[in-house]
All heavy atoms as atom14 arrays in JSON, in Angstrom:
{
  "sequence": "LYERFIKLETRRSADGSEAWLNWVLRLRSGKAIGYVQATVGAQGQ",
  "atom14_mask": [
    [1, 1, 1, 1, 1, 1, 1, 1, 0, 0, 0, 0, 0, 0],
    [1, 1, 1, 1, 1, 1, 1, 1, 1, 1, 1, 1, 0, 0],
    [1, 1, 1, 1, 1, 1, 1, 1, 1, 0, 0, 0, 0, 0],
    [1, 1, 1, 1, 1, 1, 1, 1, 1, 1, 1, 0, 0, 0],
    [1, 1, 1, 1, 1, 1, 1, 1, 1, 1, 1, 0, 0, 0],
    [1, 1, 1, 1, 1, 1, 1, 1, 0, 0, 0, 0, 0, 0],
    [1, 1, 1, 1, 1, 1, 1, 1, 1, 0, 0, 0, 0, 0],
    [1, 1, 1, 1, 1, 1, 1, 1, 0, 0, 0, 0, 0, 0],
    [1, 1, 1, 1, 1, 1, 1, 1, 1, 0, 0, 0, 0, 0],
    [1, 1, 1, 1, 1, 1, 1, 0, 0, 0, 0, 0, 0, 0],
    [1, 1, 1, 1, 1, 1, 1, 1, 1, 1, 1, 0, 0, 0],
    [1, 1, 1, 1, 1, 1, 1, 1, 1, 1, 1, 0, 0, 0],
    [1, 1, 1, 1, 1, 1, 0, 0, 0, 0, 0, 0, 0, 0],
    [1, 1, 1, 1, 1, 0, 0, 0, 0, 0, 0, 0, 0, 0],
    [1, 1, 1, 1, 1, 1, 1, 1, 0, 0, 0, 0, 0, 0],
    [1, 1, 1, 1, 0, 0, 0, 0, 0, 0, 0, 0, 0, 0],
    [1, 1, 1, 1, 1, 1, 0, 0, 0, 0, 0, 0, 0, 0],
    [1, 1, 1, 1, 1, 1, 1, 1, 1, 0, 0, 0, 0, 0],
    [1, 1, 1, 1, 1, 0, 0, 0, 0, 0, 0, 0, 0, 0],
    [1, 1, 1, 1, 1, 1, 1, 1, 1, 1, 1, 1, 1, 1],
    [1, 1, 1, 1, 1, 1, 1, 1, 0, 0, 0, 0, 0, 0],
    [1, 1, 1, 1, 1, 1, 1, 1, 0, 0, 0, 0, 0, 0],
    [1, 1, 1, 1, 1, 1, 1, 1, 1, 1, 1, 1, 1, 1],
    [1, 1, 1, 1, 1, 1, 1, 0, 0, 0, 0, 0, 0, 0],
    [1, 1, 1, 1, 1, 1, 1, 1, 0, 0, 0, 0, 0, 0],
    [1, 1, 1, 1, 1, 1, 1, 1, 1, 1, 1, 0, 0, 0],
    [1, 1, 1, 1, 1, 1, 1, 1, 0, 0, 0, 0, 0, 0],
    [1, 1, 1, 1, 1, 1, 1, 1, 1, 1, 1, 0, 0, 0],
    [1, 1, 1, 1, 1, 1, 0, 0, 0, 0, 0, 0, 0, 0],
    [1, 1, 1, 1, 0, 0, 0, 0, 0, 0, 0, 0, 0, 0],
    [1, 1, 1, 1, 1, 1, 1, 1, 1, 0, 0, 0, 0, 0],
    [1, 1, 1, 1, 1, 0, 0, 0, 0, 0, 0, 0, 0, 0],
    [1, 1, 1, 1, 1, 1, 1, 1, 0, 0, 0, 0, 0, 0],
    [1, 1, 1, 1, 0, 0, 0, 0, 0, 0, 0, 0, 0, 0],
    [1, 1, 1, 1, 1, 1, 1, 1, 1, 1, 1, 1, 0, 0],
    [1, 1, 1, 1, 1, 1, 1, 0, 0, 0, 0, 0, 0, 0],
    [1, 1, 1, 1, 1, 1, 1, 1, 1, 0, 0, 0, 0, 0],
    [1, 1, 1, 1, 1, 0, 0, 0, 0, 0, 0, 0, 0, 0],
    [1, 1, 1, 1, 1, 1, 1, 0, 0, 0, 0, 0, 0, 0],
    [1, 1, 1, 1, 1, 1, 1, 0, 0, 0, 0, 0, 0, 0],
    [1, 1, 1, 1, 0, 0, 0, 0, 0, 0, 0, 0, 0, 0],
    [1, 1, 1, 1, 1, 0, 0, 0, 0, 0, 0, 0, 0, 0],
    [1, 1, 1, 1, 1, 1, 1, 1, 1, 0, 0, 0, 0, 0],
    [1, 1, 1, 1, 0, 0, 0, 0, 0, 0, 0, 0, 0, 0],
    [1, 1, 1, 1, 1, 1, 1, 1, 1, 0, 0, 0, 0, 0]
  ],
  "atom14_positions": [
    [[134.18, 113.51, 161.76], [133.79, 113.88, 163.03], [133.19, 112.61, 163.82], [133.4, 112.38, 164.98], [132.69, 114.9, 162.99], [132.59, 115.67, 164.35], [133.81, 116.27, 165.01], [131.55, 116.87, 164.15], [0.0, 0.0, 0.0], [0.0, 0.0, 0.0], [0.0, 0.0, 0.0], [0.0, 0.0, 0.0], [0.0, 0.0, 0.0], [0.0, 0.0, 0.0]],
    [[132.42, 111.86, 163.07], [131.81, 110.59, 163.58], [132.88, 109.66, 164.13], [132.83, 109.15, 165.3], [130.94, 109.96, 162.6], [130.27, 108.55, 162.97], [129.06, 108.71, 163.69], [130.93, 107.45, 162.83], [128.58, 107.53, 164.12], [130.28, 106.31, 163.22], [129.11, 106.3, 163.95], [128.47, 105.13, 164.33], [0.0, 0.0, 0.0], [0.0, 0.0, 0.0]],
    [[133.96, 109.49, 163.32], [135.07, 108.59, 163.76], [135.66, 109.25, 165.03], [136.09, 108.45, 165.98], [136.02, 108.33, 162.65], [135.47, 107.61, 161.57], [135.07, 106.19, 161.88], [135.8, 105.54, 162.76], [134.06, 105.72, 161.41], [0.0, 0.0, 0.0], [0.0, 0.0, 0.0], [0.0, 0.0, 0.0], [0.0, 0.0, 0.0], [0.0, 0.0, 0.0]],
    [[135.95, 110.54, 165.02], [136.56, 111.17, 166.12], [135.65, 110.98, 167.4], [136.13, 110.71, 168.46], [136.68, 112.67, 165.92], [137.14, 113.51, 167.12], [138.65, 113.6, 167.13], [139.02, 114.52, 168.16], [139.8, 114.21, 169.24], [140.37, 113.14, 169.11], [140.09, 115.08, 170.03], [0.0, 0.0, 0.0], [0.0, 0.0, 0.0], [0.0, 0.0, 0.0]],
    [[134.39, 111.12, 167.31], [133.42, 111.03, 168.48], [133.33, 109.55, 168.98], [133.14, 109.36, 170.15], [131.99, 111.56, 168.07], [131.87, 113.03, 168.06], [132.98, 113.87, 168.25], [130.71, 113.63, 167.89], [132.83, 115.31, 168.26], [130.41, 115.04, 167.9], [131.52, 115.79, 168.09], [0.0, 0.0, 0.0], [0.0, 0.0, 0.0], [0.0, 0.0, 0.0]],
    [[133.53, 108.62, 168.06], [133.63, 107.15, 168.48], [134.82, 107.09, 169.43], [134.66, 106.35, 170.48], [133.72, 106.2, 167.29], [132.28, 106.11, 166.64], [134.17, 104.83, 167.76], [132.34, 105.23, 165.37], [0.0, 0.0, 0.0], [0.0, 0.0, 0.0], [0.0, 0.0, 0.0], [0.0, 0.0, 0.0], [0.0, 0.0, 0.0], [0.0, 0.0, 0.0]],
    [[135.98, 107.64, 169.05], [137.16, 107.49, 169.94], [136.83, 108.08, 171.26], [137.19, 107.56, 172.23], [138.34, 108.11, 169.16], [139.58, 108.1, 170.03], [140.78, 108.71, 169.26], [141.91, 108.69, 170.11], [143.11, 109.45, 169.45], [0.0, 0.0, 0.0], [0.0, 0.0, 0.0], [0.0, 0.0, 0.0], [0.0, 0.0, 0.0], [0.0, 0.0, 0.0]],
    [[136.28, 109.4, 171.22], [136.0, 110.09, 172.47], [134.94, 109.43, 173.35], [134.94, 109.56, 174.56], [135.67, 111.57, 172.12], [136.75, 112.38, 171.46], [136.29, 113.7, 171.14], [138.03, 112.47, 172.41], [0.0, 0.0, 0.0], [0.0, 0.0, 0.0], [0.0, 0.0, 0.0], [0.0, 0.0, 0.0], [0.0, 0.0, 0.0], [0.0, 0.0, 0.0]],
    [[134.16, 108.74, 172.63], [132.98, 108.1, 173.31], [133.48, 107.02, 174.44], [132.66, 106.7, 175.37], [132.01, 107.44, 172.3], [130.67, 107.09, 172.83], [129.8, 106.7, 171.76], [129.49, 107.47, 170.82], [129.31, 105.56, 171.81], [0.0, 0.0, 0.0], [0.0, 0.0, 0.0], [0.0, 0.0, 0.0], [0.0, 0.0, 0.0], [0.0, 0.0, 0.0]],
    [[134.7, 106.62, 174.21], [135.25, 105.65, 175.25], [135.4, 106.21, 176.62], [135.41, 105.61, 177.63], [136.67, 105.1, 174.81], [137.5, 106.19, 174.77], [136.51, 104.44, 173.34], [0.0, 0.0, 0.0], [0.0, 0.0, 0.0], [0.0, 0.0, 0.0], [0.0, 0.0, 0.0], [0.0, 0.0, 0.0], [0.0, 0.0, 0.0], [0.0, 0.0, 0.0]],
    [[135.47, 107.65, 176.58], [135.61, 108.33, 177.76], [136.94, 108.06, 178.61], [137.1, 108.44, 179.7], [134.49, 108.25, 178.65], [133.09, 108.65, 177.97], [132.23, 109.46, 178.66], [130.84, 109.61, 178.12], [130.4, 109.74, 176.91], [131.09, 109.42, 175.85], [129.23, 110.15, 176.6], [0.0, 0.0, 0.0], [0.0, 0.0, 0.0], [0.0, 0.0, 0.0]],
    [[137.83, 107.47, 177.82], [139.18, 107.05, 178.39], [140.27, 107.2, 177.36], [140.03, 106.79, 176.22], [139.14, 105.63, 179.01], [138.48, 105.44, 180.33], [139.48, 105.7, 181.37], [138.93, 105.66, 182.75], [139.16, 106.56, 183.67], [140.01, 107.49, 183.44], [138.66, 106.51, 184.86], [0.0, 0.0, 0.0], [0.0, 0.0, 0.0], [0.0, 0.0, 0.0]],
    [[141.49, 107.65, 177.87], [142.56, 107.5, 176.94], [143.05, 106.06, 176.7], [142.61, 105.13, 177.64], [143.79, 108.29, 177.63], [144.18, 107.65, 178.88], [0.0, 0.0, 0.0], [0.0, 0.0, 0.0], [0.0, 0.0, 0.0], [0.0, 0.0, 0.0], [0.0, 0.0, 0.0], [0.0, 0.0, 0.0], [0.0, 0.0, 0.0], [0.0, 0.0, 0.0]],
    [[143.74, 105.76, 175.67], [144.13, 104.35, 175.44], [144.82, 103.64, 176.64], [144.56, 102.43, 176.77], [145.07, 104.29, 174.22], [0.0, 0.0, 0.0], [0.0, 0.0, 0.0], [0.0, 0.0, 0.0], [0.0, 0.0, 0.0], [0.0, 0.0, 0.0], [0.0, 0.0, 0.0], [0.0, 0.0, 0.0], [0.0, 0.0, 0.0], [0.0, 0.0, 0.0]],
    [[145.62, 104.46, 177.33], [146.32, 103.81, 178.47], [145.51, 103.78, 179.75], [145.96, 103.32, 180.77], [147.66, 104.41, 178.67], [147.67, 105.9, 179.12], [146.51, 106.42, 179.3], [148.72, 106.47, 179.17], [0.0, 0.0, 0.0], [0.0, 0.0, 0.0], [0.0, 0.0, 0.0], [0.0, 0.0, 0.0], [0.0, 0.0, 0.0], [0.0, 0.0, 0.0]],
    [[144.32, 104.44, 179.73], [143.47, 104.48, 180.9], [143.81, 105.45, 181.9], [143.17, 105.59, 182.91], [0.0, 0.0, 0.0], [0.0, 0.0, 0.0], [0.0, 0.0, 0.0], [0.0, 0.0, 0.0], [0.0, 0.0, 0.0], [0.0, 0.0, 0.0], [0.0, 0.0, 0.0], [0.0, 0.0, 0.0], [0.0, 0.0, 0.0], [0.0, 0.0, 0.0]],
    [[144.82, 106.35, 181.64], [145.23, 107.23, 182.66], [144.48, 108.56, 182.76], [144.62, 109.26, 183.68], [146.72, 107.57, 182.54], [146.91, 108.31, 181.18], [0.0, 0.0, 0.0], [0.0, 0.0, 0.0], [0.0, 0.0, 0.0], [0.0, 0.0, 0.0], [0.0, 0.0, 0.0], [0.0, 0.0, 0.0], [0.0, 0.0, 0.0], [0.0, 0.0, 0.0]],
    [[143.72, 108.86, 181.72], [142.84, 110.07, 181.7], [141.45, 109.62, 181.36], [141.14, 108.86, 180.47], [143.42, 110.94, 180.6], [144.73, 111.51, 180.74], [145.34, 112.25, 179.54], [144.78, 112.07, 178.48], [146.27, 113.1, 179.75], [0.0, 0.0, 0.0], [0.0, 0.0, 0.0], [0.0, 0.0, 0.0], [0.0, 0.0, 0.0], [0.0, 0.0, 0.0]],
    [[140.51, 110.43, 182.1], [139.1, 110.47, 181.62], [138.99, 111.56, 180.64], [139.34, 112.73, 180.79], [138.3, 110.69, 182.78], [0.0, 0.0, 0.0], [0.0, 0.0, 0.0], [0.0, 0.0, 0.0], [0.0, 0.0, 0.0], [0.0, 0.0, 0.0], [0.0, 0.0, 0.0], [0.0, 0.0, 0.0], [0.0, 0.0, 0.0], [0.0, 0.0, 0.0]],
    [[138.21, 111.22, 179.55], [137.79, 112.14, 178.48], [136.34, 112.44, 178.63], [135.54, 111.61, 178.3], [138.17, 111.58, 177.13], [139.58, 111.39, 176.83], [140.66, 111.94, 177.38], [140.03, 110.63, 175.71], [141.88, 111.47, 176.89], [141.47, 110.67, 175.74], [139.48, 109.83, 174.76], [142.31, 110.01, 174.88], [140.29, 109.17, 173.86], [141.7, 109.25, 173.91]],
    [[136.04, 113.71, 179.11], [134.66, 114.02, 179.19], [134.27, 115.14, 178.33], [134.85, 116.27, 178.34], [134.57, 114.53, 180.81], [135.01, 113.49, 181.82], [135.02, 114.13, 183.15], [134.36, 112.26, 181.73], [0.0, 0.0, 0.0], [0.0, 0.0, 0.0], [0.0, 0.0, 0.0], [0.0, 0.0, 0.0], [0.0, 0.0, 0.0], [0.0, 0.0, 0.0]],
    [[133.27, 114.99, 177.51], [132.82, 115.8, 176.44], [131.27, 115.95, 176.58], [130.6, 114.9, 176.71], [133.25, 115.33, 175.07], [134.66, 115.16, 175.02], [135.39, 116.07, 174.73], [135.19, 113.92, 175.18], [0.0, 0.0, 0.0], [0.0, 0.0, 0.0], [0.0, 0.0, 0.0], [0.0, 0.0, 0.0], [0.0, 0.0, 0.0], [0.0, 0.0, 0.0]],
    [[130.87, 117.16, 176.55], [129.38, 117.4, 176.57], [128.96, 118.36, 175.43], [129.64, 119.32, 175.15], [128.98, 118.11, 177.84], [129.12, 117.33, 179.03], [128.11, 116.35, 179.6], [130.14, 117.23, 180.01], [128.56, 115.91, 180.74], [129.92, 116.3, 181.0], [131.44, 117.79, 180.04], [130.71, 116.05, 182.09], [132.32, 117.48, 181.0], [131.96, 116.63, 182.08]],
    [[127.96, 118.04, 174.67], [127.32, 118.83, 173.73], [126.43, 119.88, 174.42], [125.72, 119.48, 175.41], [126.4, 118.02, 172.72], [125.66, 118.97, 171.85], [127.26, 117.2, 171.86], [0.0, 0.0, 0.0], [0.0, 0.0, 0.0], [0.0, 0.0, 0.0], [0.0, 0.0, 0.0], [0.0, 0.0, 0.0], [0.0, 0.0, 0.0], [0.0, 0.0, 0.0]],
    [[126.52, 121.1, 174.06], [125.69, 122.18, 174.73], [124.41, 122.36, 173.88], [124.49, 122.54, 172.64], [126.52, 123.48, 174.73], [127.83, 123.48, 175.45], [128.51, 124.91, 175.35], [127.72, 123.01, 176.85], [0.0, 0.0, 0.0], [0.0, 0.0, 0.0], [0.0, 0.0, 0.0], [0.0, 0.0, 0.0], [0.0, 0.0, 0.0], [0.0, 0.0, 0.0]],
    [[123.26, 122.32, 174.56], [121.99, 122.52, 173.94], [121.2, 123.61, 174.62], [121.2, 123.72, 175.94], [121.1, 121.38, 173.99], [121.66, 120.19, 173.2], [120.47, 119.0, 173.09], [121.16, 117.88, 172.36], [121.25, 117.84, 171.03], [120.94, 118.83, 170.35], [121.77, 116.74, 170.52], [0.0, 0.0, 0.0], [0.0, 0.0, 0.0], [0.0, 0.0, 0.0]],
    [[120.66, 124.45, 173.83], [119.66, 125.42, 174.44], [118.49, 124.74, 174.81], [118.18, 123.47, 174.44], [119.22, 126.43, 173.28], [120.46, 127.38, 172.77], [119.93, 128.23, 171.65], [120.98, 128.31, 173.95], [0.0, 0.0, 0.0], [0.0, 0.0, 0.0], [0.0, 0.0, 0.0], [0.0, 0.0, 0.0], [0.0, 0.0, 0.0], [0.0, 0.0, 0.0]],
    [[117.65, 125.29, 175.62], [116.42, 124.69, 176.02], [115.5, 124.28, 174.92], [114.78, 123.26, 175.02], [115.6, 125.61, 177.07], [116.25, 125.77, 178.37], [116.19, 124.46, 179.17], [116.86, 124.51, 180.38], [117.29, 123.5, 180.96], [117.09, 122.28, 180.41], [118.02, 123.53, 182.06], [0.0, 0.0, 0.0], [0.0, 0.0, 0.0], [0.0, 0.0, 0.0]],
    [[115.68, 124.95, 173.74], [114.91, 124.56, 172.53], [115.37, 123.14, 171.94], [114.72, 122.64, 171.1], [115.08, 125.62, 171.56], [116.48, 125.65, 171.03], [0.0, 0.0, 0.0], [0.0, 0.0, 0.0], [0.0, 0.0, 0.0], [0.0, 0.0, 0.0], [0.0, 0.0, 0.0], [0.0, 0.0, 0.0], [0.0, 0.0, 0.0], [0.0, 0.0, 0.0]],
    [[116.53, 122.71, 172.44], [117.12, 121.51, 171.86], [118.27, 121.68, 170.94], [118.94, 120.84, 170.51], [0.0, 0.0, 0.0], [0.0, 0.0, 0.0], [0.0, 0.0, 0.0], [0.0, 0.0, 0.0], [0.0, 0.0, 0.0], [0.0, 0.0, 0.0], [0.0, 0.0, 0.0], [0.0, 0.0, 0.0], [0.0, 0.0, 0.0], [0.0, 0.0, 0.0]],
    [[118.46, 123.04, 170.48], [119.46, 123.32, 169.38], [120.78, 123.19, 170.0], [121.15, 123.82, 171.03], [119.2, 124.69, 168.9], [120.16, 125.17, 167.84], [119.79, 126.51, 167.24], [120.78, 127.05, 166.19], [120.88, 126.05, 165.12], [0.0, 0.0, 0.0], [0.0, 0.0, 0.0], [0.0, 0.0, 0.0], [0.0, 0.0, 0.0], [0.0, 0.0, 0.0]],
    [[121.71, 122.52, 169.32], [123.06, 122.26, 169.76], [123.94, 123.62, 169.29], [123.68, 124.07, 168.21], [123.74, 121.14, 169.0], [0.0, 0.0, 0.0], [0.0, 0.0, 0.0], [0.0, 0.0, 0.0], [0.0, 0.0, 0.0], [0.0, 0.0, 0.0], [0.0, 0.0, 0.0], [0.0, 0.0, 0.0], [0.0, 0.0, 0.0], [0.0, 0.0, 0.0]],
    [[124.63, 124.1, 170.29], [125.39, 125.33, 170.08], [126.81, 125.33, 170.31], [127.59, 126.21, 170.1], [124.79, 126.49, 170.72], [124.96, 126.29, 172.31], [123.32, 126.77, 170.4], [124.63, 127.52, 173.19], [0.0, 0.0, 0.0], [0.0, 0.0, 0.0], [0.0, 0.0, 0.0], [0.0, 0.0, 0.0], [0.0, 0.0, 0.0], [0.0, 0.0, 0.0]],
    [[127.34, 124.12, 170.72], [128.71, 123.97, 171.03], [129.09, 122.88, 171.84], [128.28, 121.91, 172.01], [0.0, 0.0, 0.0], [0.0, 0.0, 0.0], [0.0, 0.0, 0.0], [0.0, 0.0, 0.0], [0.0, 0.0, 0.0], [0.0, 0.0, 0.0], [0.0, 0.0, 0.0], [0.0, 0.0, 0.0], [0.0, 0.0, 0.0], [0.0, 0.0, 0.0]],
    [[130.24, 122.86, 172.58], [130.54, 121.83, 173.54], [131.49, 122.37, 174.64], [132.15, 123.42, 174.45], [131.25, 120.6, 172.79], [132.6, 120.94, 172.21], [133.79, 120.93, 172.92], [132.74, 121.24, 170.92], [134.98, 121.16, 172.44], [134.06, 121.53, 170.31], [135.18, 121.48, 171.08], [136.32, 121.77, 170.53], [0.0, 0.0, 0.0], [0.0, 0.0, 0.0]],
    [[131.54, 121.57, 175.65], [132.59, 121.76, 176.68], [133.29, 120.45, 176.8], [132.58, 119.32, 176.69], [132.05, 122.28, 178.08], [131.57, 123.75, 177.96], [130.99, 121.42, 178.7], [0.0, 0.0, 0.0], [0.0, 0.0, 0.0], [0.0, 0.0, 0.0], [0.0, 0.0, 0.0], [0.0, 0.0, 0.0], [0.0, 0.0, 0.0], [0.0, 0.0, 0.0]],
    [[134.56, 120.43, 177.35], [135.26, 119.18, 177.52], [136.25, 119.35, 178.55], [136.69, 120.43, 178.87], [135.85, 118.69, 176.12], [137.04, 119.58, 175.74], [137.6, 119.18, 174.43], [136.92, 118.67, 173.53], [138.9, 119.23, 174.26], [0.0, 0.0, 0.0], [0.0, 0.0, 0.0], [0.0, 0.0, 0.0], [0.0, 0.0, 0.0], [0.0, 0.0, 0.0]],
    [[136.63, 118.12, 179.19], [137.68, 118.11, 180.23], [138.41, 116.8, 180.09], [137.89, 115.82, 179.87], [137.06, 118.22, 181.53], [0.0, 0.0, 0.0], [0.0, 0.0, 0.0], [0.0, 0.0, 0.0], [0.0, 0.0, 0.0], [0.0, 0.0, 0.0], [0.0, 0.0, 0.0], [0.0, 0.0, 0.0], [0.0, 0.0, 0.0], [0.0, 0.0, 0.0]],
    [[139.72, 116.95, 180.18], [140.66, 115.74, 180.18], [141.1, 115.76, 181.63], [141.87, 116.68, 182.14], [141.84, 115.98, 179.22], [141.33, 116.1, 177.83], [142.84, 114.68, 179.36], [0.0, 0.0, 0.0], [0.0, 0.0, 0.0], [0.0, 0.0, 0.0], [0.0, 0.0, 0.0], [0.0, 0.0, 0.0], [0.0, 0.0, 0.0], [0.0, 0.0, 0.0]],
    [[140.61, 114.72, 182.36], [140.92, 114.57, 183.84], [142.01, 113.56, 184.04], [142.04, 112.43, 183.64], [139.51, 114.15, 184.58], [139.87, 113.98, 186.01], [138.44, 115.07, 184.28], [0.0, 0.0, 0.0], [0.0, 0.0, 0.0], [0.0, 0.0, 0.0], [0.0, 0.0, 0.0], [0.0, 0.0, 0.0], [0.0, 0.0, 0.0], [0.0, 0.0, 0.0]],
    [[143.09, 114.09, 184.68], [144.18, 113.24, 185.06], [143.97, 112.64, 186.41], [143.16, 112.98, 187.2], [0.0, 0.0, 0.0], [0.0, 0.0, 0.0], [0.0, 0.0, 0.0], [0.0, 0.0, 0.0], [0.0, 0.0, 0.0], [0.0, 0.0, 0.0], [0.0, 0.0, 0.0], [0.0, 0.0, 0.0], [0.0, 0.0, 0.0], [0.0, 0.0, 0.0]],
    [[144.82, 111.58, 186.8], [144.77, 110.93, 187.96], [145.02, 111.85, 189.23], [144.75, 111.4, 190.42], [145.67, 109.7, 188.04], [0.0, 0.0, 0.0], [0.0, 0.0, 0.0], [0.0, 0.0, 0.0], [0.0, 0.0, 0.0], [0.0, 0.0, 0.0], [0.0, 0.0, 0.0], [0.0, 0.0, 0.0], [0.0, 0.0, 0.0], [0.0, 0.0, 0.0]],
    [[145.7, 112.9, 189.04], [146.23, 113.71, 190.14], [145.18, 114.89, 190.49], [145.58, 115.83, 191.16], [147.55, 114.34, 189.94], [148.58, 113.28, 189.57], [148.76, 112.26, 190.62], [148.82, 112.58, 191.85], [148.84, 110.98, 190.32], [0.0, 0.0, 0.0], [0.0, 0.0, 0.0], [0.0, 0.0, 0.0], [0.0, 0.0, 0.0], [0.0, 0.0, 0.0]],
    [[144.02, 114.79, 190.06], [142.96, 115.81, 190.32], [143.06, 117.09, 189.49], [142.47, 118.07, 189.85], [0.0, 0.0, 0.0], [0.0, 0.0, 0.0], [0.0, 0.0, 0.0], [0.0, 0.0, 0.0], [0.0, 0.0, 0.0], [0.0, 0.0, 0.0], [0.0, 0.0, 0.0], [0.0, 0.0, 0.0], [0.0, 0.0, 0.0], [0.0, 0.0, 0.0]],
    [[143.78, 116.95, 188.37], [143.85, 118.12, 187.44], [142.99, 117.84, 186.32], [142.87, 116.65, 185.83], [145.34, 118.24, 187.0], [146.25, 118.76, 187.9], [147.67, 119.03, 187.27], [148.0, 118.45, 186.25], [148.44, 120.03, 187.89], [0.0, 0.0, 0.0], [0.0, 0.0, 0.0], [0.0, 0.0, 0.0], [0.0, 0.0, 0.0], [0.0, 0.0, 0.0]]
  ]
}
């Protein structure tokens, strides 16, 4: 998972055509409970 997150931490696909946006979800207590993510293309999708 660490290696996977290093790749995702670039926030860009290898060819630069997509933004990779990933967020860890935390409760107000600070406890991690999941994630949301979006792969954003150049056409607004």
